[in-house]
Protein backbone atom coordinates (compact mmCIF):
# COMPACT_ATOMS: atom_id res chain seq x y z
CA MET A 1 10.56 21.60 -5.26
CA ILE A 2 10.91 22.96 -1.75
CA ASP A 3 14.43 24.16 -1.00
CA ARG A 4 15.73 23.68 2.54
CA ARG A 5 17.69 26.95 2.55
CA SER A 6 14.67 29.07 1.73
CA LEU A 7 12.54 27.37 4.37
CA ILE A 8 15.09 27.47 7.17
CA ALA A 9 15.05 31.25 6.95
CA ALA A 10 11.28 31.34 7.39
CA SER A 11 9.87 31.57 10.86
CA LEU A 12 8.38 28.28 11.99
CA ALA A 13 6.67 30.19 14.76
CA ALA A 14 4.32 31.73 12.21
CA LEU A 15 2.84 28.29 11.59
CA LEU A 16 2.31 27.50 15.25
CA PRO A 17 -0.61 28.33 17.47
CA PRO A 18 -0.04 31.12 20.02
CA GLY A 19 2.30 30.05 22.82
CA ALA A 20 3.46 26.84 21.15
CA SER A 21 7.03 25.97 20.19
CA ALA A 22 8.35 23.66 17.52
CA ALA A 23 9.63 21.31 20.19
CA GLY A 24 6.10 20.84 21.48
CA ARG A 25 4.72 21.63 24.92
CA PRO A 26 5.82 19.91 28.13
CA GLY A 27 3.34 17.75 29.95
CA GLN A 28 1.56 16.21 26.98
CA PRO A 29 -0.49 13.12 27.94
CA GLU A 30 0.99 9.65 27.72
CA PRO A 31 -0.24 7.60 24.76
CA GLN A 32 -3.03 5.11 25.03
CA THR A 33 -1.84 1.69 23.85
CA LEU A 34 -4.32 -0.38 21.87
CA ASP A 35 -4.22 -3.85 20.30
CA TYR A 36 -5.25 -3.88 16.64
CA GLY A 37 -4.71 -7.62 16.11
CA PRO A 38 -1.24 -8.43 14.75
CA ALA A 39 0.46 -5.87 17.03
CA LYS A 40 -0.14 -2.77 19.13
CA LEU A 41 -0.40 0.94 18.43
CA ASP A 42 -0.18 4.12 20.48
CA VAL A 43 -2.66 6.99 20.24
CA TYR A 44 -1.52 10.43 21.42
CA ALA A 45 -4.26 13.05 21.91
CA VAL A 46 -4.85 16.10 24.07
CA ASP A 47 -7.67 16.10 26.58
CA GLY A 48 -10.88 17.23 24.97
CA ALA A 49 -9.73 16.50 21.42
CA ASN A 50 -12.65 16.42 19.00
CA LYS A 51 -12.57 15.63 15.28
CA LEU A 52 -8.93 16.63 14.86
CA PRO A 53 -6.87 15.53 11.86
CA VAL A 54 -4.69 12.47 12.46
CA VAL A 55 -1.11 11.57 11.55
CA PHE A 56 -0.72 7.77 11.26
CA PHE A 57 3.00 6.95 11.57
CA VAL A 58 4.92 3.81 10.54
CA HIS A 59 8.49 3.58 11.87
CA GLY A 60 11.54 2.44 9.94
CA GLY A 61 14.26 -0.08 10.76
CA ALA A 62 15.15 -1.99 7.57
CA TRP A 63 11.95 -4.06 7.93
CA ARG A 64 13.73 -5.93 10.79
CA PHE A 65 13.97 -3.50 13.71
CA GLY A 66 12.28 -0.55 15.36
CA LYS A 67 9.26 0.02 17.57
CA ARG A 68 6.32 2.34 17.84
CA SER A 69 7.80 4.31 20.76
CA GLN A 70 10.64 5.67 18.57
CA VAL A 71 8.84 8.86 17.60
CA GLY A 72 11.08 11.62 18.96
CA ALA A 73 9.42 15.04 19.09
CA LYS A 74 6.61 14.13 16.67
CA PRO A 75 3.79 13.62 19.19
CA ASP A 76 4.42 16.80 21.18
CA PHE A 77 4.85 18.89 18.06
CA LEU A 78 1.81 17.55 16.25
CA LEU A 79 -0.45 17.67 19.30
CA ALA A 80 0.62 21.28 19.86
CA ASN A 81 -0.46 22.02 16.30
CA GLY A 82 -3.91 20.49 16.51
CA PHE A 83 -3.40 16.87 15.46
CA VAL A 84 -3.92 13.43 16.94
CA PHE A 85 -0.83 11.23 16.46
CA VAL A 86 -0.81 7.45 16.07
CA SER A 87 2.32 5.26 15.95
CA ILE A 88 2.09 1.57 15.16
CA ASP A 89 4.11 -1.58 15.63
CA TYR A 90 4.08 -4.23 12.91
CA ARG A 91 5.61 -7.68 12.76
CA MET A 92 9.29 -7.74 11.81
CA LEU A 93 11.44 -9.89 9.59
CA PRO A 94 12.18 -12.77 9.81
CA GLU A 95 8.87 -13.49 11.58
CA ALA A 96 6.89 -11.68 8.88
CA ASP A 97 7.83 -10.92 5.28
CA VAL A 98 7.26 -7.51 3.71
CA ALA A 99 3.92 -8.53 2.21
CA THR A 100 2.71 -9.47 5.69
CA GLN A 101 4.04 -6.21 7.10
CA ALA A 102 2.06 -4.26 4.51
CA GLY A 103 -1.00 -6.23 5.58
CA ASP A 104 -0.33 -5.27 9.19
CA VAL A 105 -0.16 -1.60 8.23
CA GLU A 106 -3.51 -1.89 6.45
CA LYS A 107 -5.08 -3.65 9.45
CA ALA A 108 -3.76 -0.97 11.80
CA TYR A 109 -5.09 1.77 9.54
CA ALA A 110 -8.52 0.11 9.34
CA TYR A 111 -8.61 -0.17 13.12
CA VAL A 112 -7.64 3.48 13.53
CA ARG A 113 -10.21 4.66 11.00
CA ALA A 114 -12.93 2.70 12.78
CA ASN A 115 -11.99 3.80 16.29
CA ILE A 116 -10.14 7.13 16.20
CA ALA A 117 -13.27 9.24 16.71
CA ARG A 118 -13.50 8.08 20.31
CA HIS A 119 -9.98 9.45 20.85
CA GLY A 120 -10.76 12.82 19.31
CA GLY A 121 -9.61 12.13 15.75
CA ASP A 122 -11.42 12.61 12.47
CA PRO A 123 -11.49 9.34 10.47
CA ASP A 124 -11.88 11.30 7.25
CA ARG A 125 -8.70 13.33 7.82
CA ILE A 126 -5.99 10.72 8.35
CA VAL A 127 -2.53 11.30 6.87
CA GLY A 128 -0.24 8.29 6.46
CA MET A 129 3.41 8.99 7.29
CA GLY A 130 6.47 6.74 7.34
CA HIS A 131 10.26 6.85 7.45
CA SER A 132 12.66 4.46 5.69
CA ALA A 133 11.06 0.98 5.71
CA GLY A 134 7.93 2.63 7.09
CA CYS A 135 8.04 5.07 4.19
CA HIS A 136 8.07 2.15 1.76
CA LEU A 137 5.16 0.48 3.57
CA ILE A 138 3.06 3.65 3.61
CA ALA A 139 3.83 4.26 -0.08
CA LEU A 140 3.00 0.67 -0.99
CA THR A 141 -0.26 0.47 0.93
CA GLY A 142 -1.30 3.98 0.00
CA MET A 143 -0.69 3.51 -3.72
CA ARG A 144 -2.40 0.13 -3.93
CA GLY A 145 -5.56 1.34 -2.22
CA GLY A 146 -4.93 -0.38 1.09
CA LEU A 147 -5.57 2.81 3.08
CA PRO A 148 -9.12 3.63 1.93
CA GLY A 149 -10.09 7.23 2.53
CA VAL A 150 -6.59 8.33 3.45
CA ALA A 151 -6.38 12.10 3.04
CA ALA A 152 -2.68 12.45 2.21
CA LEU A 153 0.71 10.72 2.44
CA ILE A 154 4.06 11.87 3.84
CA LEU A 155 6.89 9.72 2.45
CA ASP A 156 10.16 10.27 4.30
CA ASP A 157 13.26 8.83 2.61
CA THR A 158 13.33 5.45 0.92
CA ARG A 159 14.79 4.03 -2.27
CA ALA A 160 12.25 1.21 -2.46
CA TYR A 161 9.74 2.79 -4.82
CA ASP A 162 10.54 0.66 -7.89
CA LEU A 163 12.50 -2.49 -6.98
CA ALA A 164 13.13 -3.69 -10.53
CA ALA A 165 14.48 -0.29 -11.54
CA LEU A 166 16.55 -0.21 -8.38
CA SER A 167 18.15 -3.52 -9.34
CA ARG A 168 18.84 -2.35 -12.89
CA ASN A 169 20.50 0.80 -11.54
CA GLY A 170 22.75 -1.08 -9.12
CA GLY A 171 20.83 0.05 -6.07
CA MET A 172 19.87 -3.37 -4.75
CA VAL A 173 22.45 -3.19 -1.98
CA ARG A 174 22.95 -6.02 0.49
CA ALA A 175 20.38 -4.74 3.00
CA TYR A 176 17.72 -4.51 0.30
CA ALA A 177 18.74 -7.75 -1.40
CA ARG A 178 18.20 -9.67 1.84
CA VAL A 179 14.73 -8.21 2.28
CA PHE A 180 13.62 -8.39 -1.36
CA SER A 181 15.34 -11.65 -2.23
CA ASP A 182 12.71 -12.93 -4.69
CA PRO A 183 12.55 -10.95 -7.95
CA ALA A 184 9.16 -12.52 -8.64
CA GLN A 185 7.76 -10.40 -5.79
CA TRP A 186 9.34 -7.11 -6.79
CA ALA A 187 6.41 -5.82 -8.81
CA ALA A 188 3.88 -6.58 -6.08
CA LEU A 189 6.04 -4.92 -3.43
CA SER A 190 6.89 -1.81 -5.47
CA PRO A 191 4.74 1.28 -4.81
CA SER A 192 5.38 2.41 -8.41
CA SER A 193 3.48 -0.63 -9.70
CA TYR A 194 0.23 0.89 -8.48
CA VAL A 195 0.69 4.50 -9.54
CA ASP A 196 -0.45 4.65 -13.14
CA GLY A 197 -4.07 4.94 -14.17
CA LYS A 198 -5.50 6.89 -11.25
CA LYS A 199 -5.05 10.03 -9.21
CA HIS A 200 -3.71 9.49 -5.71
CA PRO A 201 -4.04 11.49 -2.48
CA PRO A 202 -1.77 14.53 -2.13
CA THR A 203 1.73 13.24 -1.44
CA PHE A 204 4.71 14.84 0.27
CA ILE A 205 8.02 13.18 -0.66
CA ALA A 206 11.23 13.97 1.24
CA TYR A 207 14.70 12.63 0.52
CA SER A 208 18.02 12.81 2.35
CA ARG A 209 21.56 12.87 0.97
CA ALA A 210 21.88 9.09 1.46
CA SER A 211 22.88 7.27 -1.71
CA GLY A 212 20.23 7.20 -4.41
CA ARG A 213 17.46 8.74 -2.33
CA GLY A 214 17.18 11.88 -4.44
CA GLU A 215 17.12 10.09 -7.80
CA GLU A 216 14.53 7.50 -6.73
CA SER A 217 12.34 10.07 -4.99
CA LYS A 218 12.35 12.43 -7.96
CA ALA A 219 11.48 9.63 -10.37
CA PHE A 220 8.60 8.52 -8.15
CA ALA A 221 7.37 12.11 -7.79
CA GLU A 222 7.32 12.60 -11.56
CA ARG A 223 5.42 9.37 -12.07
CA LEU A 224 2.82 10.48 -9.53
CA ARG A 225 2.52 13.94 -11.07
CA ALA A 226 1.79 12.35 -14.44
CA THR A 227 -1.43 10.97 -12.95
CA GLY A 228 -2.55 14.43 -11.83
CA THR A 229 -1.63 13.75 -8.21
CA LYS A 230 -0.55 16.79 -6.21
CA VAL A 231 3.06 16.19 -5.15
CA THR A 232 5.29 18.23 -2.86
CA LEU A 233 8.97 17.28 -3.22
CA PHE A 234 11.31 18.28 -0.39
CA ASP A 235 15.04 18.54 -1.01
CA GLY A 236 16.49 17.17 2.21
CA SER A 237 20.05 16.80 0.94
CA ALA A 238 21.28 18.62 4.05
CA TYR A 239 20.01 15.70 6.14
CA THR A 240 21.32 12.20 6.79
CA HIS A 241 18.96 9.27 6.48
CA MET A 242 18.51 9.29 10.25
CA SER A 243 18.32 13.05 10.89
CA ILE A 244 15.60 13.58 8.29
CA ASN A 245 13.38 11.60 10.65
CA GLY A 246 14.97 12.40 14.00
CA ASP A 247 14.86 16.18 13.57
CA PHE A 248 11.13 16.28 12.88
CA GLY A 249 9.43 18.55 15.41
CA LYS A 250 12.57 20.36 16.53
CA ASP A 251 12.83 24.15 16.61
CA GLY A 252 13.85 25.65 13.28
CA ASP A 253 13.74 22.39 11.36
CA ALA A 254 13.01 23.01 7.68
CA LEU A 255 11.40 19.64 6.96
CA THR A 256 9.06 20.14 9.90
CA ALA A 257 7.99 23.53 8.55
CA ALA A 258 7.40 22.13 5.07
CA ALA A 259 5.50 19.09 6.33
CA LEU A 260 3.34 21.23 8.61
CA ALA A 261 2.48 23.55 5.74
CA PHE A 262 1.53 20.49 3.68
CA LEU A 263 -0.59 19.11 6.51
CA LYS A 264 -2.40 22.41 7.04
CA ALA A 265 -3.08 22.69 3.31
CA THR A 266 -4.43 19.15 2.97
CA VAL A 267 -6.26 18.38 6.21
CA GLY A 268 -6.39 21.76 7.92
């Protein structure tokens, strides 16, 4: 368990390259927008990038809202620290159900893995990252093998790891009940359904103080650890559901420091 208080006291600057700040550097290049089929994605890379590790990001928005441009300080921060950053769009409810959205994420990942080398990324060092609904989609696709070769996962704040358990525990609130309205689909759409029986890529799990996030995240982490998977669990109870995503890349942010340490340890 990584404690926010202990990390906030540590110097984030020690993890940064000389001259860089946690807020990133001004003047980073604009993203290149590409069409992967169902939707578009943005690739952020510095000039001259070559075989750099990649962060593949899926935004949140209750499976109904959001867009790939809502990335805050992530691109500047990650580019300053030697990464290529990719942010994707995927089709939203009600146009596309969650199963279709997961398929979009897998198509986007396959496109990135096949093409990222020409943008300076290393296809064998891609880390899947998502917040909220995007966290669920990365967890689901990552656990079920839909992101072949993915090097690691960063799961940032969802309750939707085990939908049947969530319902039993009274956590199927209105927003979730509208999205996951058919209990017959809960098992297929639950990341926990695909955990047992194999070791998964190293996984970083963060949770905010929003209702139920800590309990569901801890249960999912323990289930993953039982398979021998390396899990880093971040106590983000000082964050709201929105700030745990929005603060990423800002100076002095504890989650950013922990996630960067995880990234450096897993993909260098």
